[in-house]
mmCIF file of all heavy atoms, coordinates in Angstrom:
data_MODEL
# 
_entry.id   MODEL 
# 
loop_
_atom_site.group_PDB 
_atom_site.id 
_atom_site.type_symbol 
_atom_site.label_atom_id 
_atom_site.label_alt_id 
_atom_site.label_comp_id 
_atom_site.label_asym_id 
_atom_site.label_entity_id 
_atom_site.label_seq_id 
_atom_site.pdbx_PDB_ins_code 
_atom_site.Cartn_x 
_atom_site.Cartn_y 
_atom_site.Cartn_z 
_atom_site.occupancy 
_atom_site.B_iso_or_equiv 
_atom_site.pdbx_formal_charge 
_atom_site.auth_seq_id 
_atom_site.auth_comp_id 
_atom_site.auth_asym_id 
_atom_site.auth_atom_id 
_atom_site.pdbx_PDB_model_num 
ATOM 1   N N   . ALA A 1 1  ? 0.834  -1.187 0.004   1.00 0.00 ? 1  ALA A N   1 
ATOM 2   C CA  . ALA A 1 1  ? 0.007  -0.013 0.011   1.00 0.00 ? 1  ALA A CA  1 
ATOM 3   C C   . ALA A 1 1  ? 0.873  1.232  0.002   1.00 0.00 ? 1  ALA A C   1 
ATOM 4   O O   . ALA A 1 1  ? 1.917  1.294  0.646   1.00 0.00 ? 1  ALA A O   1 
ATOM 5   C CB  . ALA A 1 1  ? -0.905 0.005  1.216   1.00 0.00 ? 1  ALA A CB  1 
ATOM 6   N N   . VAL A 1 2  ? 0.448  2.230  -0.773  1.00 0.00 ? 2  VAL A N   1 
ATOM 7   C CA  . VAL A 1 2  ? 1.135  3.518  -0.791  1.00 0.00 ? 2  VAL A CA  1 
ATOM 8   C C   . VAL A 1 2  ? 0.125  4.633  -0.537  1.00 0.00 ? 2  VAL A C   1 
ATOM 9   O O   . VAL A 1 2  ? -1.071 4.474  -0.812  1.00 0.00 ? 2  VAL A O   1 
ATOM 10  C CB  . VAL A 1 2  ? 1.869  3.772  -2.136  1.00 0.00 ? 2  VAL A CB  1 
ATOM 11  C CG1 . VAL A 1 2  ? 2.970  2.773  -2.361  1.00 0.00 ? 2  VAL A CG1 1 
ATOM 12  C CG2 . VAL A 1 2  ? 0.920  3.799  -3.296  1.00 0.00 ? 2  VAL A CG2 1 
ATOM 13  N N   . ASP A 1 3  ? 0.623  5.722  -0.004  1.00 0.00 ? 3  ASP A N   1 
ATOM 14  C CA  . ASP A 1 3  ? -0.220 6.891  0.216   1.00 0.00 ? 3  ASP A CA  1 
ATOM 15  C C   . ASP A 1 3  ? -0.204 7.804  -0.996  1.00 0.00 ? 3  ASP A C   1 
ATOM 16  O O   . ASP A 1 3  ? -1.188 8.457  -1.325  1.00 0.00 ? 3  ASP A O   1 
ATOM 17  C CB  . ASP A 1 3  ? 0.236  7.666  1.442   1.00 0.00 ? 3  ASP A CB  1 
ATOM 18  C CG  . ASP A 1 3  ? 0.159  6.841  2.728   1.00 0.00 ? 3  ASP A CG  1 
ATOM 19  O OD1 . ASP A 1 3  ? -0.895 6.199  2.936   1.00 0.00 ? 3  ASP A OD1 1 
ATOM 20  O OD2 . ASP A 1 3  ? 1.148  6.824  3.474   1.00 0.00 ? 3  ASP A OD2 1 
ATOM 21  N N   . ILE A 1 4  ? 0.948  7.883  -1.635  1.00 0.00 ? 4  ILE A N   1 
ATOM 22  C CA  . ILE A 1 4  ? 1.150  8.798  -2.757  1.00 0.00 ? 4  ILE A CA  1 
ATOM 23  C C   . ILE A 1 4  ? 1.873  8.063  -3.893  1.00 0.00 ? 4  ILE A C   1 
ATOM 24  O O   . ILE A 1 4  ? 2.906  7.452  -3.660  1.00 0.00 ? 4  ILE A O   1 
ATOM 25  C CB  . ILE A 1 4  ? 1.951  10.047 -2.330  1.00 0.00 ? 4  ILE A CB  1 
ATOM 26  C CG1 . ILE A 1 4  ? 1.189  10.822 -1.256  1.00 0.00 ? 4  ILE A CG1 1 
ATOM 27  C CG2 . ILE A 1 4  ? 2.272  10.913 -3.532  1.00 0.00 ? 4  ILE A CG2 1 
ATOM 28  C CD1 . ILE A 1 4  ? 1.933  11.994 -0.711  1.00 0.00 ? 4  ILE A CD1 1 
ATOM 29  N N   . LEU A 1 5  ? 1.314  8.211  -5.083  1.00 0.00 ? 5  LEU A N   1 
ATOM 30  C CA  . LEU A 1 5  ? 1.975  7.690  -6.272  1.00 0.00 ? 5  LEU A CA  1 
ATOM 31  C C   . LEU A 1 5  ? 2.502  8.887  -7.055  1.00 0.00 ? 5  LEU A C   1 
ATOM 32  O O   . LEU A 1 5  ? 1.744  9.788  -7.432  1.00 0.00 ? 5  LEU A O   1 
ATOM 33  C CB  . LEU A 1 5  ? 0.982  6.915  -7.149  1.00 0.00 ? 5  LEU A CB  1 
ATOM 34  C CG  . LEU A 1 5  ? 1.502  6.429  -8.493  1.00 0.00 ? 5  LEU A CG  1 
ATOM 35  C CD1 . LEU A 1 5  ? 2.601  5.391  -8.294  1.00 0.00 ? 5  LEU A CD1 1 
ATOM 36  C CD2 . LEU A 1 5  ? 0.357  5.861  -9.325  1.00 0.00 ? 5  LEU A CD2 1 
ATOM 37  N N   . VAL A 1 6  ? 3.801  8.913  -7.264  1.00 0.00 ? 6  VAL A N   1 
ATOM 38  C CA  . VAL A 1 6  ? 4.436  9.988  -8.013  1.00 0.00 ? 6  VAL A CA  1 
ATOM 39  C C   . VAL A 1 6  ? 4.756  9.458  -9.406  1.00 0.00 ? 6  VAL A C   1 
ATOM 40  O O   . VAL A 1 6  ? 5.482  8.453  -9.535  1.00 0.00 ? 6  VAL A O   1 
ATOM 41  C CB  . VAL A 1 6  ? 5.724  10.476 -7.314  1.00 0.00 ? 6  VAL A CB  1 
ATOM 42  C CG1 . VAL A 1 6  ? 6.411  11.543 -8.133  1.00 0.00 ? 6  VAL A CG1 1 
ATOM 43  C CG2 . VAL A 1 6  ? 5.403  11.003 -5.929  1.00 0.00 ? 6  VAL A CG2 1 
ATOM 44  N N   . VAL A 1 7  ? 4.239  10.129 -10.409 1.00 0.00 ? 7  VAL A N   1 
ATOM 45  C CA  . VAL A 1 7  ? 4.477  9.696  -11.785 1.00 0.00 ? 7  VAL A CA  1 
ATOM 46  C C   . VAL A 1 7  ? 5.540  10.591 -12.390 1.00 0.00 ? 7  VAL A C   1 
ATOM 47  O O   . VAL A 1 7  ? 5.333  11.789 -12.563 1.00 0.00 ? 7  VAL A O   1 
ATOM 48  C CB  . VAL A 1 7  ? 3.173  9.766  -12.628 1.00 0.00 ? 7  VAL A CB  1 
ATOM 49  C CG1 . VAL A 1 7  ? 3.430  9.348  -14.069 1.00 0.00 ? 7  VAL A CG1 1 
ATOM 50  C CG2 . VAL A 1 7  ? 2.100  8.897  -11.991 1.00 0.00 ? 7  VAL A CG2 1 
ATOM 51  N N   . GLY A 1 8  ? 6.706  10.024 -12.624 1.00 0.00 ? 8  GLY A N   1 
ATOM 52  C CA  . GLY A 1 8  ? 7.826  10.768 -13.182 1.00 0.00 ? 8  GLY A CA  1 
ATOM 53  C C   . GLY A 1 8  ? 8.946  10.924 -12.182 1.00 0.00 ? 8  GLY A C   1 
ATOM 54  O O   . GLY A 1 8  ? 8.751  11.455 -11.092 1.00 0.00 ? 8  GLY A O   1 
ATOM 55  N N   . ALA A 1 9  ? 10.136 10.425 -12.566 1.00 0.00 ? 9  ALA A N   1 
ATOM 56  C CA  . ALA A 1 9  ? 11.277 10.475 -11.659 1.00 0.00 ? 9  ALA A CA  1 
ATOM 57  C C   . ALA A 1 9  ? 12.235 11.583 -12.034 1.00 0.00 ? 9  ALA A C   1 
ATOM 58  O O   . ALA A 1 9  ? 13.449 11.467 -11.892 1.00 0.00 ? 9  ALA A O   1 
ATOM 59  C CB  . ALA A 1 9  ? 11.981 9.137  -11.670 1.00 0.00 ? 9  ALA A CB  1 
ATOM 60  N N   . GLY A 1 10 ? 11.671 12.683 -12.515 1.00 0.00 ? 10 GLY A N   1 
ATOM 61  C CA  . GLY A 1 10 ? 12.491 13.862 -12.805 1.00 0.00 ? 10 GLY A CA  1 
ATOM 62  C C   . GLY A 1 10 ? 12.731 14.668 -11.529 1.00 0.00 ? 10 GLY A C   1 
ATOM 63  O O   . GLY A 1 10 ? 12.416 14.238 -10.417 1.00 0.00 ? 10 GLY A O   1 
ATOM 64  N N   . THR A 1 11 ? 13.246 15.850 -11.723 1.00 0.00 ? 11 THR A N   1 
ATOM 65  C CA  . THR A 1 11 ? 13.571 16.699 -10.592 1.00 0.00 ? 11 THR A CA  1 
ATOM 66  C C   . THR A 1 11 ? 12.346 17.002 -9.732  1.00 0.00 ? 11 THR A C   1 
ATOM 67  O O   . THR A 1 11 ? 12.368 16.889 -8.499  1.00 0.00 ? 11 THR A O   1 
ATOM 68  C CB  . THR A 1 11 ? 14.164 18.033 -11.078 1.00 0.00 ? 11 THR A CB  1 
ATOM 69  O OG1 . THR A 1 11 ? 15.258 17.748 -11.942 1.00 0.00 ? 11 THR A OG1 1 
ATOM 70  C CG2 . THR A 1 11 ? 14.635 18.882 -9.939  1.00 0.00 ? 11 THR A CG2 1 
ATOM 71  N N   . THR A 1 12 ? 11.229 17.337 -10.359 1.00 0.00 ? 12 THR A N   1 
ATOM 72  C CA  . THR A 1 12 ? 10.023 17.676 -9.620  1.00 0.00 ? 12 THR A CA  1 
ATOM 73  C C   . THR A 1 12 ? 9.446  16.458 -8.900  1.00 0.00 ? 12 THR A C   1 
ATOM 74  O O   . THR A 1 12 ? 9.093  16.522 -7.719  1.00 0.00 ? 12 THR A O   1 
ATOM 75  C CB  . THR A 1 12 ? 8.969  18.285 -10.554 1.00 0.00 ? 12 THR A CB  1 
ATOM 76  O OG1 . THR A 1 12 ? 9.524  19.447 -11.158 1.00 0.00 ? 12 THR A OG1 1 
ATOM 77  C CG2 . THR A 1 12 ? 7.713  18.653 -9.820  1.00 0.00 ? 12 THR A CG2 1 
ATOM 78  N N   . GLY A 1 13 ? 9.346  15.345 -9.624  1.00 0.00 ? 13 GLY A N   1 
ATOM 79  C CA  . GLY A 1 13 ? 8.789  14.135 -9.015  1.00 0.00 ? 13 GLY A CA  1 
ATOM 80  C C   . GLY A 1 13 ? 9.596  13.619 -7.832  1.00 0.00 ? 13 GLY A C   1 
ATOM 81  O O   . GLY A 1 13 ? 9.035  13.264 -6.795  1.00 0.00 ? 13 GLY A O   1 
ATOM 82  N N   . LEU A 1 14 ? 10.916 13.611 -7.983  1.00 0.00 ? 14 LEU A N   1 
ATOM 83  C CA  . LEU A 1 14 ? 11.754 13.125 -6.887  1.00 0.00 ? 14 LEU A CA  1 
ATOM 84  C C   . LEU A 1 14 ? 11.723 14.087 -5.697  1.00 0.00 ? 14 LEU A C   1 
ATOM 85  O O   . LEU A 1 14 ? 11.751 13.641 -4.546  1.00 0.00 ? 14 LEU A O   1 
ATOM 86  C CB  . LEU A 1 14 ? 13.182 12.906 -7.390  1.00 0.00 ? 14 LEU A CB  1 
ATOM 87  C CG  . LEU A 1 14 ? 13.353 11.747 -8.371  1.00 0.00 ? 14 LEU A CG  1 
ATOM 88  C CD1 . LEU A 1 14 ? 14.793 11.653 -8.839  1.00 0.00 ? 14 LEU A CD1 1 
ATOM 89  C CD2 . LEU A 1 14 ? 12.877 10.433 -7.787  1.00 0.00 ? 14 LEU A CD2 1 
ATOM 90  N N   . SER A 1 15 ? 11.651 15.384 -5.968  1.00 0.00 ? 15 SER A N   1 
ATOM 91  C CA  . SER A 1 15 ? 11.538 16.338 -4.842  1.00 0.00 ? 15 SER A CA  1 
ATOM 92  C C   . SER A 1 15 ? 10.241 16.157 -4.101  1.00 0.00 ? 15 SER A C   1 
ATOM 93  O O   . SER A 1 15 ? 10.181 16.180 -2.860  1.00 0.00 ? 15 SER A O   1 
ATOM 94  C CB  . SER A 1 15 ? 11.643 17.788 -5.371  1.00 0.00 ? 15 SER A CB  1 
ATOM 95  O OG  . SER A 1 15 ? 12.903 18.014 -5.929  1.00 0.00 ? 15 SER A OG  1 
ATOM 96  N N   . LEU A 1 16 ? 9.160  15.954 -4.849  1.00 0.00 ? 16 LEU A N   1 
ATOM 97  C CA  . LEU A 1 16 ? 7.863  15.722 -4.218  1.00 0.00 ? 16 LEU A CA  1 
ATOM 98  C C   . LEU A 1 16 ? 7.891  14.433 -3.416  1.00 0.00 ? 16 LEU A C   1 
ATOM 99  O O   . LEU A 1 16 ? 7.406  14.387 -2.285  1.00 0.00 ? 16 LEU A O   1 
ATOM 100 C CB  . LEU A 1 16 ? 6.764  15.628 -5.299  1.00 0.00 ? 16 LEU A CB  1 
ATOM 101 C CG  . LEU A 1 16 ? 5.390  15.220 -4.791  1.00 0.00 ? 16 LEU A CG  1 
ATOM 102 C CD1 . LEU A 1 16 ? 4.828  16.247 -3.831  1.00 0.00 ? 16 LEU A CD1 1 
ATOM 103 C CD2 . LEU A 1 16 ? 4.456  14.995 -5.970  1.00 0.00 ? 16 LEU A CD2 1 
ATOM 104 N N   . ALA A 1 17 ? 8.493  13.381 -3.959  1.00 0.00 ? 17 ALA A N   1 
ATOM 105 C CA  . ALA A 1 17 ? 8.595  12.105 -3.245  1.00 0.00 ? 17 ALA A CA  1 
ATOM 106 C C   . ALA A 1 17 ? 9.383  12.254 -1.955  1.00 0.00 ? 17 ALA A C   1 
ATOM 107 O O   . ALA A 1 17 ? 8.995  11.713 -0.926  1.00 0.00 ? 17 ALA A O   1 
ATOM 108 C CB  . ALA A 1 17 ? 9.203  11.055 -4.156  1.00 0.00 ? 17 ALA A CB  1 
ATOM 109 N N   . LEU A 1 18 ? 10.488 12.994 -2.003  1.00 0.00 ? 18 LEU A N   1 
ATOM 110 C CA  . LEU A 1 18 ? 11.278 13.208 -0.803  1.00 0.00 ? 18 LEU A CA  1 
ATOM 111 C C   . LEU A 1 18 ? 10.494 13.949 0.272   1.00 0.00 ? 18 LEU A C   1 
ATOM 112 O O   . LEU A 1 18 ? 10.528 13.605 1.447   1.00 0.00 ? 18 LEU A O   1 
ATOM 113 C CB  . LEU A 1 18 ? 12.551 14.011 -1.127  1.00 0.00 ? 18 LEU A CB  1 
ATOM 114 C CG  . LEU A 1 18 ? 13.748 13.240 -1.641  1.00 0.00 ? 18 LEU A CG  1 
ATOM 115 C CD1 . LEU A 1 18 ? 14.803 14.204 -2.150  1.00 0.00 ? 18 LEU A CD1 1 
ATOM 116 C CD2 . LEU A 1 18 ? 14.314 12.348 -0.563  1.00 0.00 ? 18 LEU A CD2 1 
ATOM 117 N N   . GLN A 1 19 ? 9.789  14.995 -0.153  1.00 0.00 ? 19 GLN A N   1 
ATOM 118 C CA  . GLN A 1 19 ? 9.012  15.786 0.811   1.00 0.00 ? 19 GLN A CA  1 
ATOM 119 C C   . GLN A 1 19 ? 7.884  14.948 1.428   1.00 0.00 ? 19 GLN A C   1 
ATOM 120 O O   . GLN A 1 19 ? 7.643  15.001 2.632   1.00 0.00 ? 19 GLN A O   1 
ATOM 121 C CB  . GLN A 1 19 ? 8.471  17.042 0.169   1.00 0.00 ? 19 GLN A CB  1 
ATOM 122 C CG  . GLN A 1 19 ? 9.521  18.075 -0.037  1.00 0.00 ? 19 GLN A CG  1 
ATOM 123 C CD  . GLN A 1 19 ? 8.943  19.407 -0.483  1.00 0.00 ? 19 GLN A CD  1 
ATOM 124 O OE1 . GLN A 1 19 ? 7.941  19.454 -1.171  1.00 0.00 ? 19 GLN A OE1 1 
ATOM 125 N NE2 . GLN A 1 19 ? 9.629  20.468 -0.135  1.00 0.00 ? 19 GLN A NE2 1 
ATOM 126 N N   . ALA A 1 20 ? 7.178  14.177 0.596   1.00 0.00 ? 20 ALA A N   1 
ATOM 127 C CA  . ALA A 1 20 ? 6.082  13.350 1.101   1.00 0.00 ? 20 ALA A CA  1 
ATOM 128 C C   . ALA A 1 20 ? 6.630  12.291 2.063   1.00 0.00 ? 20 ALA A C   1 
ATOM 129 O O   . ALA A 1 20 ? 6.070  12.041 3.125   1.00 0.00 ? 20 ALA A O   1 
ATOM 130 C CB  . ALA A 1 20 ? 5.346  12.698 -0.063  1.00 0.00 ? 20 ALA A CB  1 
ATOM 131 N N   . HIS A 1 21 ? 7.739  11.678 1.709   1.00 0.00 ? 21 HIS A N   1 
ATOM 132 C CA  . HIS A 1 21 ? 8.358  10.673 2.560   1.00 0.00 ? 21 HIS A CA  1 
ATOM 133 C C   . HIS A 1 21 ? 8.807  11.302 3.893   1.00 0.00 ? 21 HIS A C   1 
ATOM 134 O O   . HIS A 1 21 ? 8.625  10.708 4.975   1.00 0.00 ? 21 HIS A O   1 
ATOM 135 C CB  . HIS A 1 21 ? 9.549  10.036 1.853   1.00 0.00 ? 21 HIS A CB  1 
ATOM 136 C CG  . HIS A 1 21 ? 10.286 9.032  2.690   1.00 0.00 ? 21 HIS A CG  1 
ATOM 137 N ND1 . HIS A 1 21 ? 9.799  7.810  2.985   1.00 0.00 ? 21 HIS A ND1 1 
ATOM 138 C CD2 . HIS A 1 21 ? 11.474 9.128  3.319   1.00 0.00 ? 21 HIS A CD2 1 
ATOM 139 C CE1 . HIS A 1 21 ? 10.655 7.166  3.748   1.00 0.00 ? 21 HIS A CE1 1 
ATOM 140 N NE2 . HIS A 1 21 ? 11.680 7.930  3.962   1.00 0.00 ? 21 HIS A NE2 1 
ATOM 141 N N   . ASP A 1 22 ? 9.363  12.506 3.816   1.00 0.00 ? 22 ASP A N   1 
ATOM 142 C CA  . ASP A 1 22 ? 9.799  13.215 5.011   1.00 0.00 ? 22 ASP A CA  1 
ATOM 143 C C   . ASP A 1 22 ? 8.648  13.494 5.963   1.00 0.00 ? 22 ASP A C   1 
ATOM 144 O O   . ASP A 1 22 ? 8.821  13.601 7.162   1.00 0.00 ? 22 ASP A O   1 
ATOM 145 C CB  . ASP A 1 22 ? 10.496 14.529 4.603   1.00 0.00 ? 22 ASP A CB  1 
ATOM 146 C CG  . ASP A 1 22 ? 11.213 15.184 5.768   1.00 0.00 ? 22 ASP A CG  1 
ATOM 147 O OD1 . ASP A 1 22 ? 11.996 14.506 6.456   1.00 0.00 ? 22 ASP A OD1 1 
ATOM 148 O OD2 . ASP A 1 22 ? 10.970 16.397 5.980   1.00 0.00 ? 22 ASP A OD2 1 
ATOM 149 N N   . HIS A 1 23 ? 7.431  13.598 5.412   1.00 0.00 ? 23 HIS A N   1 
ATOM 150 C CA  . HIS A 1 23 ? 6.221  13.835 6.230   1.00 0.00 ? 23 HIS A CA  1 
ATOM 151 C C   . HIS A 1 23 ? 5.535  12.538 6.604   1.00 0.00 ? 23 HIS A C   1 
ATOM 152 O O   . HIS A 1 23 ? 4.415  12.556 7.100   1.00 0.00 ? 23 HIS A O   1 
ATOM 153 C CB  . HIS A 1 23 ? 5.259  14.764 5.488   1.00 0.00 ? 23 HIS A CB  1 
ATOM 154 C CG  . HIS A 1 23 ? 5.701  16.187 5.521   1.00 0.00 ? 23 HIS A CG  1 
ATOM 155 N ND1 . HIS A 1 23 ? 6.649  16.684 4.655   1.00 0.00 ? 23 HIS A ND1 1 
ATOM 156 C CD2 . HIS A 1 23 ? 5.352  17.217 6.318   1.00 0.00 ? 23 HIS A CD2 1 
ATOM 157 C CE1 . HIS A 1 23 ? 6.845  17.966 4.924   1.00 0.00 ? 23 HIS A CE1 1 
ATOM 158 N NE2 . HIS A 1 23 ? 6.063  18.324 5.932   1.00 0.00 ? 23 HIS A NE2 1 
ATOM 159 N N   . GLY A 1 24 ? 6.173  11.398 6.355   1.00 0.00 ? 24 GLY A N   1 
ATOM 160 C CA  . GLY A 1 24 ? 5.626  10.115 6.806   1.00 0.00 ? 24 GLY A CA  1 
ATOM 161 C C   . GLY A 1 24 ? 4.777  9.352  5.814   1.00 0.00 ? 24 GLY A C   1 
ATOM 162 O O   . GLY A 1 24 ? 4.236  8.316  6.151   1.00 0.00 ? 24 GLY A O   1 
# 
């Protein structure tokens, strides 16, 4: 199970993924 699906591993997608992960 995931809370957030990020489509695209570019700069924006990876930054969003890091921030979401940092918030749990």
